């Protein structure tokens, strides 16, 4: 998977990871990939809802210890 942009949202609480991801996705063109790393437990639910509401596709969601990683495809 070729990631076009990475966003480090570690240490940020809701809604900051989503807001930063929204800004980062706005800089991408359709089909490009954004990887977000977060430590906020609520980000799992938040990113699922965000992808559904915005039409951006969530390609993967991984949990490694205290970190959550999401790959979103720009619509």
PDB file of N, CA and C in Angstrom:
ATOM      1  N   UNK A   1       0.846  -1.164   0.000  1.00  0.00           N
ATOM      2  CA  UNK A   1       0.000   0.000   0.000  1.00  0.00           C
ATOM      3  C   UNK A   1       0.905   1.245   0.000  1.00  0.00           C
ATOM      4  N   UNK A   2       0.674   2.138  -0.923  1.00  0.00           N
ATOM      5  CA  UNK A   2       1.490   3.340  -1.061  1.00  0.00           C
ATOM      6  C   UNK A   2       0.786   4.519  -0.380  1.00  0.00           C
ATOM      7  N   UNK A   3       1.283   4.904   0.789  1.00  0.00           N
ATOM      8  CA  UNK A   3       0.688   5.994   1.565  1.00  0.00           C
ATOM      9  C   UNK A   3       1.178   7.326   1.008  1.00  0.00           C
ATOM     10  N   UNK A   4       0.244   8.230   0.714  1.00  0.00           N
ATOM     11  CA  UNK A   4       0.599   9.530   0.156  1.00  0.00           C
ATOM     12  C   UNK A   4       0.895  10.577   1.224  1.00  0.00           C
ATOM     13  N   UNK A   5       0.257  10.451   2.382  1.00  0.00           N
ATOM     14  CA  UNK A   5       0.465  11.424   3.458  1.00  0.00           C
ATOM     15  C   UNK A   5       0.264  10.734   4.791  1.00  0.00           C
ATOM     16  N   UNK A   6       1.081  11.103   5.782  1.00  0.00           N
ATOM     17  CA  UNK A   6       0.950  10.544   7.131  1.00  0.00           C
ATOM     18  C   UNK A   6       0.619  11.660   8.114  1.00  0.00           C
ATOM     19  N   UNK A   7      -0.223  11.337   9.079  1.00  0.00           N
ATOM     20  CA  UNK A   7      -0.630  12.298  10.097  1.00  0.00           C
ATOM     21  C   UNK A   7      -0.413  11.673  11.465  1.00  0.00           C
ATOM     22  N   UNK A   8       0.373  12.344  12.300  1.00  0.00           N
ATOM     23  CA  UNK A   8       0.623  11.879  13.663  1.00  0.00           C
ATOM     24  C   UNK A   8      -0.332  12.618  14.596  1.00  0.00           C
ATOM     25  N   UNK A   9      -1.332  11.914  15.098  1.00  0.00           N
ATOM     26  CA  UNK A   9      -2.314  12.510  16.015  1.00  0.00           C
ATOM     27  C   UNK A   9      -2.161  11.927  17.413  1.00  0.00           C
ATOM     28  N   UNK A  10      -0.982  11.393  17.721  1.00  0.00           N
ATOM     29  CA  UNK A  10      -0.740  10.830  19.052  1.00  0.00           C
ATOM     30  C   UNK A  10      -0.867  11.918  20.102  1.00  0.00           C
ATOM     31  N   UNK A  11      -1.513  11.577  21.213  1.00  0.00           N
ATOM     32  CA  UNK A  11      -1.646  12.510  22.316  1.00  0.00           C
ATOM     33  C   UNK A  11      -2.807  13.486  22.172  1.00  0.00           C
ATOM     34  N   UNK A  12      -3.474  13.474  21.035  1.00  0.00           N
ATOM     35  CA  UNK A  12      -4.609  14.366  20.812  1.00  0.00           C
ATOM     36  C   UNK A  12      -5.909  13.650  21.145  1.00  0.00           C
ATOM     37  N   UNK A  13      -6.837  14.367  21.764  1.00  0.00           N
ATOM     38  CA  UNK A  13      -8.135  13.793  22.102  1.00  0.00           C
ATOM     39  C   UNK A  13      -9.199  14.296  21.151  1.00  0.00           C
ATOM     40  N   UNK A  14     -10.293  13.553  21.107  1.00  0.00           N
ATOM     41  CA  UNK A  14     -11.441  13.882  20.264  1.00  0.00           C
ATOM     42  C   UNK A  14     -11.854  15.332  20.495  1.00  0.00           C
ATOM     43  N   UNK A  15     -12.126  16.079  19.488  1.00  0.00           N
ATOM     44  CA  UNK A  15     -12.250  15.739  18.069  1.00  0.00           C
ATOM     45  C   UNK A  15     -11.017  16.074  17.232  1.00  0.00           C
ATOM     46  N   UNK A  16      -9.884  16.392  17.878  1.00  0.00           N
ATOM     47  CA  UNK A  16      -8.709  16.842  17.126  1.00  0.00           C
ATOM     48  C   UNK A  16      -8.191  15.857  16.080  1.00  0.00           C
ATOM     49  N   UNK A  17      -8.091  14.537  16.357  1.00  0.00           N
ATOM     50  CA  UNK A  17      -7.616  13.641  15.300  1.00  0.00           C
ATOM     51  C   UNK A  17      -8.496  13.685  14.042  1.00  0.00           C
ATOM     52  N   UNK A  18      -9.809  13.768  14.227  1.00  0.00           N
ATOM     53  CA  UNK A  18     -10.726  13.833  13.084  1.00  0.00           C
ATOM     54  C   UNK A  18     -10.570  15.158  12.339  1.00  0.00           C
ATOM     55  N   UNK A  19     -10.481  16.251  13.078  1.00  0.00           N
ATOM     56  CA  UNK A  19     -10.333  17.561  12.438  1.00  0.00           C
ATOM     57  C   UNK A  19      -9.041  17.653  11.632  1.00  0.00           C
ATOM     58  N   UNK A  20      -7.950  17.133  12.195  1.00  0.00           N
ATOM     59  CA  UNK A  20      -6.677  17.155  11.480  1.00  0.00           C
ATOM     60  C   UNK A  20      -6.722  16.238  10.258  1.00  0.00           C
ATOM     61  N   UNK A  21      -7.396  15.101  10.384  1.00  0.00           N
ATOM     62  CA  UNK A  21      -7.529  14.185   9.243  1.00  0.00           C
ATOM     63  C   UNK A  21      -8.353  14.833   8.136  1.00  0.00           C
ATOM     64  N   UNK A  22      -9.392  15.538   8.514  1.00  0.00           N
ATOM     65  CA  UNK A  22     -10.237  16.212   7.529  1.00  0.00           C
ATOM     66  C   UNK A  22      -9.421  17.235   6.739  1.00  0.00           C
ATOM     67  N   UNK A  23      -8.595  18.006   7.439  1.00  0.00           N
ATOM     68  CA  UNK A  23      -7.729  18.987   6.764  1.00  0.00           C
ATOM     69  C   UNK A  23      -6.715  18.298   5.848  1.00  0.00           C
ATOM     70  N   UNK A  24      -6.133  17.210   6.345  1.00  0.00           N
ATOM     71  CA  UNK A  24      -5.126  16.493   5.555  1.00  0.00           C
ATOM     72  C   UNK A  24      -5.749  15.889   4.295  1.00  0.00           C
ATOM     73  N   UNK A  25      -6.951  15.339   4.423  1.00  0.00           N
ATOM     74  CA  UNK A  25      -7.632  14.761   3.258  1.00  0.00           C
ATOM     75  C   UNK A  25      -7.971  15.831   2.225  1.00  0.00           C
ATOM     76  N   UNK A  26      -8.253  17.043   2.679  1.00  0.00           N
ATOM     77  CA  UNK A  26      -8.578  18.137   1.760  1.00  0.00           C
ATOM     78  C   UNK A  26      -7.386  18.477   0.864  1.00  0.00           C
ATOM     79  N   UNK A  27      -6.171  18.211   1.346  1.00  0.00           N
ATOM     80  CA  UNK A  27      -4.958  18.480   0.565  1.00  0.00           C
ATOM     81  C   UNK A  27      -4.655  17.386  -0.446  1.00  0.00           C
ATOM     82  N   UNK A  28      -5.330  16.247  -0.334  1.00  0.00           N
ATOM     83  CA  UNK A  28      -5.084  15.120  -1.231  1.00  0.00           C
ATOM     84  C   UNK A  28      -6.048  15.149  -2.414  1.00  0.00           C
ATOM     85  N   UNK A  29      -5.680  14.434  -3.472  1.00  0.00           N
ATOM     86  CA  UNK A  29      -6.582  14.297  -4.606  1.00  0.00           C
ATOM     87  C   UNK A  29      -7.297  12.953  -4.496  1.00  0.00           C
ATOM     88  N   UNK A  30      -8.355  12.807  -5.248  1.00  0.00           N
ATOM     89  CA  UNK A  30      -9.162  11.589  -5.211  1.00  0.00           C
ATOM     90  C   UNK A  30      -8.301  10.350  -5.442  1.00  0.00           C
ATOM     91  N   UNK A  31      -8.473   9.351  -4.552  1.00  0.00           N
ATOM     92  CA  UNK A  31      -7.744   8.096  -4.678  1.00  0.00           C
ATOM     93  C   UNK A  31      -6.461   8.042  -3.869  1.00  0.00           C
ATOM     94  N   UNK A  32      -5.975   9.177  -3.377  1.00  0.00           N
ATOM     95  CA  UNK A  32      -4.750   9.165  -2.578  1.00  0.00           C
ATOM     96  C   UNK A  32      -5.053   8.650  -1.174  1.00  0.00           C
ATOM     97  N   UNK A  33      -3.996   8.175  -0.478  1.00  0.00           N
ATOM     98  CA  UNK A  33      -4.155   7.539   0.825  1.00  0.00           C
ATOM     99  C   UNK A  33      -3.552   8.359   1.952  1.00  0.00           C
ATOM    100  N   UNK A  34      -4.279   8.427   3.058  1.00  0.00           N
ATOM    101  CA  UNK A  34      -3.832   9.103   4.275  1.00  0.00           C
ATOM    102  C   UNK A  34      -3.750   8.073   5.387  1.00  0.00           C
ATOM    103  N   UNK A  35      -2.618   8.056   6.079  1.00  0.00           N
ATOM    104  CA  UNK A  35      -2.452   7.188   7.254  1.00  0.00           C
ATOM    105  C   UNK A  35      -2.447   8.080   8.489  1.00  0.00           C
ATOM    106  N   UNK A  36      -3.300   7.740   9.460  1.00  0.00           N
ATOM    107  CA  UNK A  36      -3.403   8.498  10.708  1.00  0.00           C
ATOM    108  C   UNK A  36      -3.043   7.569  11.865  1.00  0.00           C
ATOM    109  N   UNK A  37      -2.178   8.045  12.753  1.00  0.00           N
ATOM    110  CA  UNK A  37      -1.846   7.300  13.971  1.00  0.00           C
ATOM    111  C   UNK A  37      -2.350   8.101  15.158  1.00  0.00           C
ATOM    112  N   UNK A  38      -3.132   7.444  16.008  1.00  0.00           N
ATOM    113  CA  UNK A  38      -3.773   8.106  17.152  1.00  0.00           C
ATOM    114  C   UNK A  38      -3.623   7.253  18.405  1.00  0.00           C
ATOM    115  N   UNK A  39      -3.668   7.914  19.549  1.00  0.00           N
ATOM    116  CA  UNK A  39      -3.656   7.192  20.827  1.00  0.00           C
ATOM    117  C   UNK A  39      -4.993   7.319  21.547  1.00  0.00           C
ATOM    118  N   UNK A  40      -5.938   8.026  20.951  1.00  0.00           N
ATOM    119  CA  UNK A  40      -7.261   8.230  21.542  1.00  0.00           C
ATOM    120  C   UNK A  40      -8.137   7.001  21.294  1.00  0.00           C
ATOM    121  N   UNK A  41      -8.588   6.338  22.372  1.00  0.00           N
ATOM    122  CA  UNK A  41      -9.417   5.137  22.226  1.00  0.00           C
ATOM    123  C   UNK A  41     -10.692   5.417  21.452  1.00  0.00           C
ATOM    124  N   UNK A  42     -11.253   6.593  21.607  1.00  0.00           N
ATOM    125  CA  UNK A  42     -12.484   6.957  20.914  1.00  0.00           C
ATOM    126  C   UNK A  42     -12.295   7.145  19.420  1.00  0.00           C
ATOM    127  N   UNK A  43     -11.042   7.206  18.969  1.00  0.00           N
ATOM    128  CA  UNK A  43     -10.800   7.440  17.545  1.00  0.00           C
ATOM    129  C   UNK A  43     -11.262   6.269  16.675  1.00  0.00           C
ATOM    130  N   UNK A  44     -11.322   5.074  17.233  1.00  0.00           N
ATOM    131  CA  UNK A  44     -11.793   3.923  16.450  1.00  0.00           C
ATOM    132  C   UNK A  44     -13.234   4.168  15.987  1.00  0.00           C
ATOM    133  N   UNK A  45     -14.080   4.485  16.924  1.00  0.00           N
ATOM    134  CA  UNK A  45     -15.485   4.774  16.610  1.00  0.00           C
ATOM    135  C   UNK A  45     -15.594   6.037  15.753  1.00  0.00           C
ATOM    136  N   UNK A  46     -14.808   7.052  16.113  1.00  0.00           N
ATOM    137  CA  UNK A  46     -14.863   8.327  15.400  1.00  0.00           C
ATOM    138  C   UNK A  46     -14.473   8.187  13.931  1.00  0.00           C
ATOM    139  N   UNK A  47     -13.401   7.455  13.657  1.00  0.00           N
ATOM    140  CA  UNK A  47     -12.952   7.321  12.270  1.00  0.00           C
ATOM    141  C   UNK A  47     -13.905   6.453  11.442  1.00  0.00           C
ATOM    142  N   UNK A  48     -14.530   5.472  12.070  1.00  0.00           N
ATOM    143  CA  UNK A  48     -15.523   4.672  11.350  1.00  0.00           C
ATOM    144  C   UNK A  48     -16.693   5.557  10.928  1.00  0.00           C
ATOM    145  N   UNK A  49     -17.182   6.368  11.848  1.00  0.00           N
ATOM    146  CA  UNK A  49     -18.299   7.269  11.547  1.00  0.00           C
ATOM    147  C   UNK A  49     -17.881   8.333  10.538  1.00  0.00           C
ATOM    148  N   UNK A  50     -16.670   8.862  10.684  1.00  0.00           N
ATOM    149  CA  UNK A  50     -16.158   9.887   9.770  1.00  0.00           C
ATOM    150  C   UNK A  50     -16.106   9.359   8.336  1.00  0.00           C
ATOM    151  N   UNK A  51     -15.577   8.148   8.167  1.00  0.00           N
ATOM    152  CA  UNK A  51     -15.475   7.561   6.825  1.00  0.00           C
ATOM    153  C   UNK A  51     -16.863   7.383   6.215  1.00  0.00           C
ATOM    154  N   UNK A  52     -17.789   6.898   7.002  1.00  0.00           N
ATOM    155  CA  UNK A  52     -19.151   6.665   6.528  1.00  0.00           C
ATOM    156  C   UNK A  52     -19.834   7.977   6.125  1.00  0.00           C
ATOM    157  N   UNK A  53     -19.680   9.000   6.949  1.00  0.00           N
ATOM    158  CA  UNK A  53     -20.341  10.282   6.714  1.00  0.00           C
ATOM    159  C   UNK A  53     -19.748  11.059   5.548  1.00  0.00           C
ATOM    160  N   UNK A  54     -18.440  10.941   5.335  1.00  0.00           N
ATOM    161  CA  UNK A  54     -17.777  11.757   4.311  1.00  0.00           C
ATOM    162  C   UNK A  54     -17.607  11.042   2.975  1.00  0.00           C
ATOM    163  N   UNK A  55     -17.794   9.725   2.967  1.00  0.00           N
ATOM    164  CA  UNK A  55     -17.616   8.981   1.723  1.00  0.00           C
ATOM    165  C   UNK A  55     -16.173   8.600   1.433  1.00  0.00           C
ATOM    166  N   UNK A  56     -15.267   8.923   2.369  1.00  0.00           N
ATOM    167  CA  UNK A  56     -13.877   8.479   2.242  1.00  0.00           C
ATOM    168  C   UNK A  56     -13.816   7.038   2.734  1.00  0.00           C
ATOM    169  N   UNK A  57     -13.105   6.200   2.017  1.00  0.00           N
ATOM    170  CA  UNK A  57     -13.074   4.772   2.336  1.00  0.00           C
ATOM    171  C   UNK A  57     -11.993   4.453   3.360  1.00  0.00           C
ATOM    172  N   UNK A  58     -12.360   3.716   4.424  1.00  0.00           N
ATOM    173  CA  UNK A  58     -11.365   3.258   5.384  1.00  0.00           C
ATOM    174  C   UNK A  58     -10.830   1.920   4.887  1.00  0.00           C
ATOM    175  N   UNK A  59      -9.567   1.917   4.485  1.00  0.00           N
ATOM    176  CA  UNK A  59      -8.961   0.704   3.937  1.00  0.00           C
ATOM    177  C   UNK A  59      -8.448  -0.222   5.027  1.00  0.00           C
ATOM    178  N   UNK A  60      -7.970   0.358   6.132  1.00  0.00           N
ATOM    179  CA  UNK A  60      -7.493  -0.491   7.228  1.00  0.00           C
ATOM    180  C   UNK A  60      -7.575   0.247   8.553  1.00  0.00           C
ATOM    181  N   UNK A  61      -7.653  -0.562   9.600  1.00  0.00           N
ATOM    182  CA  UNK A  61      -7.679  -0.056  10.965  1.00  0.00           C
ATOM    183  C   UNK A  61      -6.933  -1.080  11.808  1.00  0.00           C
ATOM    184  N   UNK A  62      -5.846  -0.653  12.436  1.00  0.00           N
ATOM    185  CA  UNK A  62      -5.022  -1.564  13.231  1.00  0.00           C
ATOM    186  C   UNK A  62      -4.798  -0.997  14.619  1.00  0.00           C
ATOM    187  N   UNK A  63      -4.661  -1.906  15.580  1.00  0.00           N
ATOM    188  CA  UNK A  63      -4.353  -1.514  16.955  1.00  0.00           C
ATOM    189  C   UNK A  63      -3.051  -2.187  17.354  1.00  0.00           C
ATOM    190  N   UNK A  64      -2.093  -1.378  17.803  1.00  0.00           N
ATOM    191  CA  UNK A  64      -0.811  -1.907  18.272  1.00  0.00           C
ATOM    192  C   UNK A  64      -0.520  -1.262  19.619  1.00  0.00           C
ATOM    193  N   UNK A  65      -0.858  -1.978  20.694  1.00  0.00           N
ATOM    194  CA  UNK A  65      -0.674  -1.430  22.030  1.00  0.00           C
ATOM    195  C   UNK A  65      -1.584  -0.235  22.229  1.00  0.00           C
ATOM    196  N   UNK A  66      -0.994   0.895  22.624  1.00  0.00           N
ATOM    197  CA  UNK A  66      -1.825   2.077  22.871  1.00  0.00           C
ATOM    198  C   UNK A  66      -2.115   2.898  21.611  1.00  0.00           C
ATOM    199  N   UNK A  67      -1.617   2.433  20.448  1.00  0.00           N
ATOM    200  CA  UNK A  67      -1.772   3.212  19.215  1.00  0.00           C
ATOM    201  C   UNK A  67      -2.748   2.571  18.242  1.00  0.00           C
ATOM    202  N   UNK A  68      -3.473   3.440  17.552  1.00  0.00           N
ATOM    203  CA  UNK A  68      -4.422   3.010  16.535  1.00  0.00           C
ATOM    204  C   UNK A  68      -3.980   3.627  15.206  1.00  0.00           C
ATOM    205  N   UNK A  69      -4.015   2.823  14.172  1.00  0.00           N
ATOM    206  CA  UNK A  69      -3.598   3.293  12.853  1.00  0.00           C
ATOM    207  C   UNK A  69      -4.736   3.109  11.869  1.00  0.00           C
ATOM    208  N   UNK A  70      -5.006   4.164  11.094  1.00  0.00           N
ATOM    209  CA  UNK A  70      -6.099   4.152  10.124  1.00  0.00           C
ATOM    210  C   UNK A  70      -5.550   4.558   8.762  1.00  0.00           C
ATOM    211  N   UNK A  71      -5.991   3.870   7.711  1.00  0.00           N
ATOM    212  CA  UNK A  71      -5.650   4.295   6.351  1.00  0.00           C
ATOM    213  C   UNK A  71      -6.955   4.631   5.654  1.00  0.00           C
ATOM    214  N   UNK A  72      -7.044   5.876   5.219  1.00  0.00           N
ATOM    215  CA  UNK A  72      -8.235   6.379   4.547  1.00  0.00           C
ATOM    216  C   UNK A  72      -7.903   6.713   3.096  1.00  0.00           C
ATOM    217  N   UNK A  73      -8.837   6.363   2.213  1.00  0.00           N
ATOM    218  CA  UNK A  73      -8.694   6.672   0.794  1.00  0.00           C
ATOM    219  C   UNK A  73      -9.590   7.857   0.470  1.00  0.00           C
ATOM    220  N   UNK A  74      -8.990   8.906  -0.080  1.00  0.00           N
ATOM    221  CA  UNK A  74      -9.740  10.127  -0.417  1.00  0.00           C
ATOM    222  C   UNK A  74     -10.766   9.815  -1.498  1.00  0.00           C
ATOM    223  N   UNK A  75     -11.993  10.268  -1.295  1.00  0.00           N
ATOM    224  CA  UNK A  75     -13.047  10.018  -2.277  1.00  0.00           C
ATOM    225  C   UNK A  75     -12.861  10.852  -3.511  1.00  0.00           C
TER     226      UNK A  75
END
